[in-house]
């Protein structure tokens, strides 16, 4: 089975890992997180990420990072080889959950499903205003017909 390594600005990586473990509590050994601190040196962050990758018990790992071009992504780019490790930037919880759901698939397919899950998890949700909600009469209502004006 494949594994997932999340590298992101602190505290996002561990927060995403905790979200994954909420839904997949038995997958603790298959998902790791590296929080990149604001003042951390890139070489120290790379060493931390290399240690996390080595600790995962998997030959193939999908690496998720938060923002393309930022330090966590730059660290991750130095870590992945494109064959046994793949990188996706723009990580969100739907992406991480989808990755975990399909970690038994080949790494390329897992990455594609994670990317689709991340994109499908972003949507505009309209709020229903109180003026558009129907009012239910209560047993003590003296007026049976309510009209909006």
C-alpha atoms as a PDB file:
ATOM      1  CA  UNK A   1       0.000   0.000   0.000  1.00  0.00           C
ATOM      2  CA  UNK A   2       1.081   3.539  -0.696  1.00  0.00           C
ATOM      3  CA  UNK A   3       1.597   6.141   1.999  1.00  0.00           C
ATOM      4  CA  UNK A   4       0.986   9.886   2.275  1.00  0.00           C
ATOM      5  CA  UNK A   5       3.428  12.524   3.492  1.00  0.00           C
ATOM      6  CA  UNK A   6       2.025  15.999   4.137  1.00  0.00           C
ATOM      7  CA  UNK A   7       4.509  18.888   4.155  1.00  0.00           C
ATOM      8  CA  UNK A   8       2.954  22.285   4.873  1.00  0.00           C
ATOM      9  CA  UNK A   9       3.235  25.494   6.824  1.00  0.00           C
ATOM     10  CA  UNK A  10       2.831  24.900  10.569  1.00  0.00           C
ATOM     11  CA  UNK A  11       0.356  23.809  11.902  1.00  0.00           C
ATOM     12  CA  UNK A  12      -1.452  22.745   8.706  1.00  0.00           C
ATOM     13  CA  UNK A  13       0.427  19.508   8.007  1.00  0.00           C
ATOM     14  CA  UNK A  14      -0.373  17.960  11.376  1.00  0.00           C
ATOM     15  CA  UNK A  15      -3.926  19.330  11.282  1.00  0.00           C
ATOM     16  CA  UNK A  16      -4.514  17.604   7.930  1.00  0.00           C
ATOM     17  CA  UNK A  17      -2.976  14.407   9.301  1.00  0.00           C
ATOM     18  CA  UNK A  18      -5.332  14.532  12.292  1.00  0.00           C
ATOM     19  CA  UNK A  19      -8.272  15.028   9.913  1.00  0.00           C
ATOM     20  CA  UNK A  20      -7.191  11.955   7.944  1.00  0.00           C
ATOM     21  CA  UNK A  21      -6.814   9.906  11.119  1.00  0.00           C
ATOM     22  CA  UNK A  22     -10.292  10.973  12.223  1.00  0.00           C
ATOM     23  CA  UNK A  23     -11.679   9.088   9.207  1.00  0.00           C
ATOM     24  CA  UNK A  24      -8.962   6.409   8.954  1.00  0.00           C
ATOM     25  CA  UNK A  25      -7.898   5.729  12.558  1.00  0.00           C
ATOM     26  CA  UNK A  26      -6.008   2.562  11.586  1.00  0.00           C
ATOM     27  CA  UNK A  27      -3.814   4.386   9.047  1.00  0.00           C
ATOM     28  CA  UNK A  28      -1.454   6.141  11.468  1.00  0.00           C
ATOM     29  CA  UNK A  29       1.591   4.347  10.056  1.00  0.00           C
ATOM     30  CA  UNK A  30       0.633   5.259   6.484  1.00  0.00           C
ATOM     31  CA  UNK A  31       0.376   9.031   6.871  1.00  0.00           C
ATOM     32  CA  UNK A  32       3.059  11.392   8.158  1.00  0.00           C
ATOM     33  CA  UNK A  33       3.215  15.148   8.537  1.00  0.00           C
ATOM     34  CA  UNK A  34       6.001  17.704   8.578  1.00  0.00           C
ATOM     35  CA  UNK A  35       5.077  21.179   9.780  1.00  0.00           C
ATOM     36  CA  UNK A  36       7.473  23.750   8.352  1.00  0.00           C
ATOM     37  CA  UNK A  37       8.079  26.464  10.938  1.00  0.00           C
ATOM     38  CA  UNK A  38       8.266  30.092   9.788  1.00  0.00           C
ATOM     39  CA  UNK A  39      11.935  30.634  10.666  1.00  0.00           C
ATOM     40  CA  UNK A  40      13.207  27.130   9.871  1.00  0.00           C
ATOM     41  CA  UNK A  41      16.191  26.763   7.577  1.00  0.00           C
ATOM     42  CA  UNK A  42      15.340  24.931   4.339  1.00  0.00           C
ATOM     43  CA  UNK A  43      18.135  22.367   4.882  1.00  0.00           C
ATOM     44  CA  UNK A  44      16.818  21.516   8.355  1.00  0.00           C
ATOM     45  CA  UNK A  45      13.283  21.213   6.951  1.00  0.00           C
ATOM     46  CA  UNK A  46      14.553  18.951   4.171  1.00  0.00           C
ATOM     47  CA  UNK A  47      16.276  16.700   6.721  1.00  0.00           C
ATOM     48  CA  UNK A  48      13.069  16.542   8.758  1.00  0.00           C
ATOM     49  CA  UNK A  49      11.073  15.623   5.624  1.00  0.00           C
ATOM     50  CA  UNK A  50      13.642  12.972   4.622  1.00  0.00           C
ATOM     51  CA  UNK A  51      13.347  11.402   8.073  1.00  0.00           C
ATOM     52  CA  UNK A  52       9.547  11.378   7.846  1.00  0.00           C
ATOM     53  CA  UNK A  53       9.678   9.798   4.387  1.00  0.00           C
ATOM     54  CA  UNK A  54      12.119   7.121   5.568  1.00  0.00           C
ATOM     55  CA  UNK A  55       9.878   6.331   8.566  1.00  0.00           C
ATOM     56  CA  UNK A  56       6.899   5.516   6.331  1.00  0.00           C
ATOM     57  CA  UNK A  57       6.642   1.778   5.699  1.00  0.00           C
ATOM     58  CA  UNK A  58       5.945   2.098   1.987  1.00  0.00           C
ATOM     59  CA  UNK A  59       7.883   1.980  -1.269  1.00  0.00           C
ATOM     60  CA  UNK A  60       5.602   4.550  -2.902  1.00  0.00           C
ATOM     61  CA  UNK A  61       4.539   7.806  -1.288  1.00  0.00           C
ATOM     62  CA  UNK A  62       2.250  10.619  -2.358  1.00  0.00           C
ATOM     63  CA  UNK A  63       3.558  13.922  -1.000  1.00  0.00           C
ATOM     64  CA  UNK A  64       1.015  16.680  -0.446  1.00  0.00           C
ATOM     65  CA  UNK A  65       2.030  20.285   0.147  1.00  0.00           C
ATOM     66  CA  UNK A  66       0.025  23.442   0.680  1.00  0.00           C
ATOM     67  CA  UNK A  67       1.242  26.239  -1.632  1.00  0.00           C
ATOM     68  CA  UNK A  68       3.199  25.844  -4.858  1.00  0.00           C
ATOM     69  CA  UNK A  69       6.397  27.881  -4.743  1.00  0.00           C
ATOM     70  CA  UNK A  70       6.463  28.293  -0.960  1.00  0.00           C
ATOM     71  CA  UNK A  71       9.101  26.735   1.302  1.00  0.00           C
ATOM     72  CA  UNK A  72       7.156  23.527   2.072  1.00  0.00           C
ATOM     73  CA  UNK A  73       6.685  22.874  -1.650  1.00  0.00           C
ATOM     74  CA  UNK A  74      10.321  23.692  -2.393  1.00  0.00           C
ATOM     75  CA  UNK A  75      11.398  21.211   0.295  1.00  0.00           C
ATOM     76  CA  UNK A  76       9.027  18.588  -1.106  1.00  0.00           C
ATOM     77  CA  UNK A  77      10.295  19.104  -4.660  1.00  0.00           C
ATOM     78  CA  UNK A  78      13.803  18.233  -3.479  1.00  0.00           C
ATOM     79  CA  UNK A  79      12.420  15.105  -1.825  1.00  0.00           C
ATOM     80  CA  UNK A  80      10.391  13.488  -4.617  1.00  0.00           C
ATOM     81  CA  UNK A  81      11.722  11.527  -7.575  1.00  0.00           C
ATOM     82  CA  UNK A  82       8.562  11.364  -9.725  1.00  0.00           C
ATOM     83  CA  UNK A  83       8.671   7.551  -9.803  1.00  0.00           C
ATOM     84  CA  UNK A  84       8.329   6.246  -6.252  1.00  0.00           C
ATOM     85  CA  UNK A  85       7.246   9.578  -4.839  1.00  0.00           C
ATOM     86  CA  UNK A  86       4.807  12.044  -6.427  1.00  0.00           C
ATOM     87  CA  UNK A  87       4.012  15.606  -5.390  1.00  0.00           C
ATOM     88  CA  UNK A  88       0.744  17.530  -5.419  1.00  0.00           C
ATOM     89  CA  UNK A  89       0.521  21.168  -4.268  1.00  0.00           C
ATOM     90  CA  UNK A  90      -2.657  22.785  -2.969  1.00  0.00           C
ATOM     91  CA  UNK A  91      -3.416  20.225  -0.284  1.00  0.00           C
ATOM     92  CA  UNK A  92      -6.780  20.249   1.441  1.00  0.00           C
ATOM     93  CA  UNK A  93      -8.625  17.712   3.580  1.00  0.00           C
ATOM     94  CA  UNK A  94     -10.782  16.300   0.738  1.00  0.00           C
ATOM     95  CA  UNK A  95      -7.570  15.661  -1.228  1.00  0.00           C
ATOM     96  CA  UNK A  96      -5.895  13.901   1.692  1.00  0.00           C
ATOM     97  CA  UNK A  97      -8.979  11.787   2.386  1.00  0.00           C
ATOM     98  CA  UNK A  98      -9.260  10.770  -1.252  1.00  0.00           C
ATOM     99  CA  UNK A  99      -5.577   9.839  -1.302  1.00  0.00           C
ATOM    100  CA  UNK A 100      -6.036   7.592   1.712  1.00  0.00           C
ATOM    101  CA  UNK A 101      -9.153   6.025   0.203  1.00  0.00           C
ATOM    102  CA  UNK A 102      -7.228   4.923  -2.885  1.00  0.00           C
ATOM    103  CA  UNK A 103      -3.795   4.138  -1.476  1.00  0.00           C
ATOM    104  CA  UNK A 104      -4.048   0.525  -2.671  1.00  0.00           C
ATOM    105  CA  UNK A 105      -4.040   1.720  -6.297  1.00  0.00           C
ATOM    106  CA  UNK A 106      -0.849   2.413  -8.268  1.00  0.00           C
ATOM    107  CA  UNK A 107       0.792   5.685  -7.232  1.00  0.00           C
ATOM    108  CA  UNK A 108      -0.134   7.453 -10.476  1.00  0.00           C
ATOM    109  CA  UNK A 109      -3.824   6.544 -10.086  1.00  0.00           C
ATOM    110  CA  UNK A 110      -3.771   7.483  -6.403  1.00  0.00           C
ATOM    111  CA  UNK A 111      -2.312  10.887  -7.282  1.00  0.00           C
ATOM    112  CA  UNK A 112      -4.966  11.458  -9.957  1.00  0.00           C
ATOM    113  CA  UNK A 113      -7.767  10.562  -7.555  1.00  0.00           C
ATOM    114  CA  UNK A 114      -6.311  12.797  -4.841  1.00  0.00           C
ATOM    115  CA  UNK A 115      -6.082  15.699  -7.285  1.00  0.00           C
ATOM    116  CA  UNK A 116      -9.689  15.187  -8.363  1.00  0.00           C
ATOM    117  CA  UNK A 117     -10.846  14.923  -4.750  1.00  0.00           C
ATOM    118  CA  UNK A 118      -9.100  18.153  -3.850  1.00  0.00           C
ATOM    119  CA  UNK A 119     -10.668  20.021  -6.756  1.00  0.00           C
ATOM    120  CA  UNK A 120     -14.145  18.555  -6.168  1.00  0.00           C
ATOM    121  CA  UNK A 121     -13.928  19.476  -2.489  1.00  0.00           C
ATOM    122  CA  UNK A 122     -13.789  23.196  -3.336  1.00  0.00           C
ATOM    123  CA  UNK A 123     -17.185  24.720  -4.067  1.00  0.00           C
ATOM    124  CA  UNK A 124     -19.275  27.776  -3.406  1.00  0.00           C
ATOM    125  CA  UNK A 125     -22.052  27.124  -0.903  1.00  0.00           C
ATOM    126  CA  UNK A 126     -24.956  29.555  -0.823  1.00  0.00           C
ATOM    127  CA  UNK A 127     -26.472  30.470   2.509  1.00  0.00           C
ATOM    128  CA  UNK A 128     -30.225  30.502   2.802  1.00  0.00           C
ATOM    129  CA  UNK A 129     -31.381  33.798   4.245  1.00  0.00           C
ATOM    130  CA  UNK A 130     -34.073  33.830   6.930  1.00  0.00           C
ATOM    131  CA  UNK A 131     -36.490  35.519   4.525  1.00  0.00           C
ATOM    132  CA  UNK A 132     -36.362  32.412   2.299  1.00  0.00           C
ATOM    133  CA  UNK A 133     -37.088  29.920   5.042  1.00  0.00           C
ATOM    134  CA  UNK A 134     -40.612  28.704   5.549  1.00  0.00           C
ATOM    135  CA  UNK A 135     -42.147  29.368   8.936  1.00  0.00           C
ATOM    136  CA  UNK A 136     -43.923  26.572  10.721  1.00  0.00           C
ATOM    137  CA  UNK A 137     -46.945  27.574  12.778  1.00  0.00           C
ATOM    138  CA  UNK A 138     -46.675  26.802  16.460  1.00  0.00           C
ATOM    139  CA  UNK A 139     -49.599  25.315  18.428  1.00  0.00           C
ATOM    140  CA  UNK A 140     -50.205  28.679  20.121  1.00  0.00           C
ATOM    141  CA  UNK A 141     -50.342  30.739  16.924  1.00  0.00           C
ATOM    142  CA  UNK A 142     -53.467  32.817  16.835  1.00  0.00           C
ATOM    143  CA  UNK A 143     -52.850  33.842  13.266  1.00  0.00           C
ATOM    144  CA  UNK A 144     -53.007  30.916  10.849  1.00  0.00           C
ATOM    145  CA  UNK A 145     -52.060  32.841   7.710  1.00  0.00           C
ATOM    146  CA  UNK A 146     -48.690  34.516   7.596  1.00  0.00           C
ATOM    147  CA  UNK A 147     -47.838  36.712   4.668  1.00  0.00           C
ATOM    148  CA  UNK A 148     -44.492  38.243   3.826  1.00  0.00           C
ATOM    149  CA  UNK A 149     -44.723  41.828   2.745  1.00  0.00           C
END
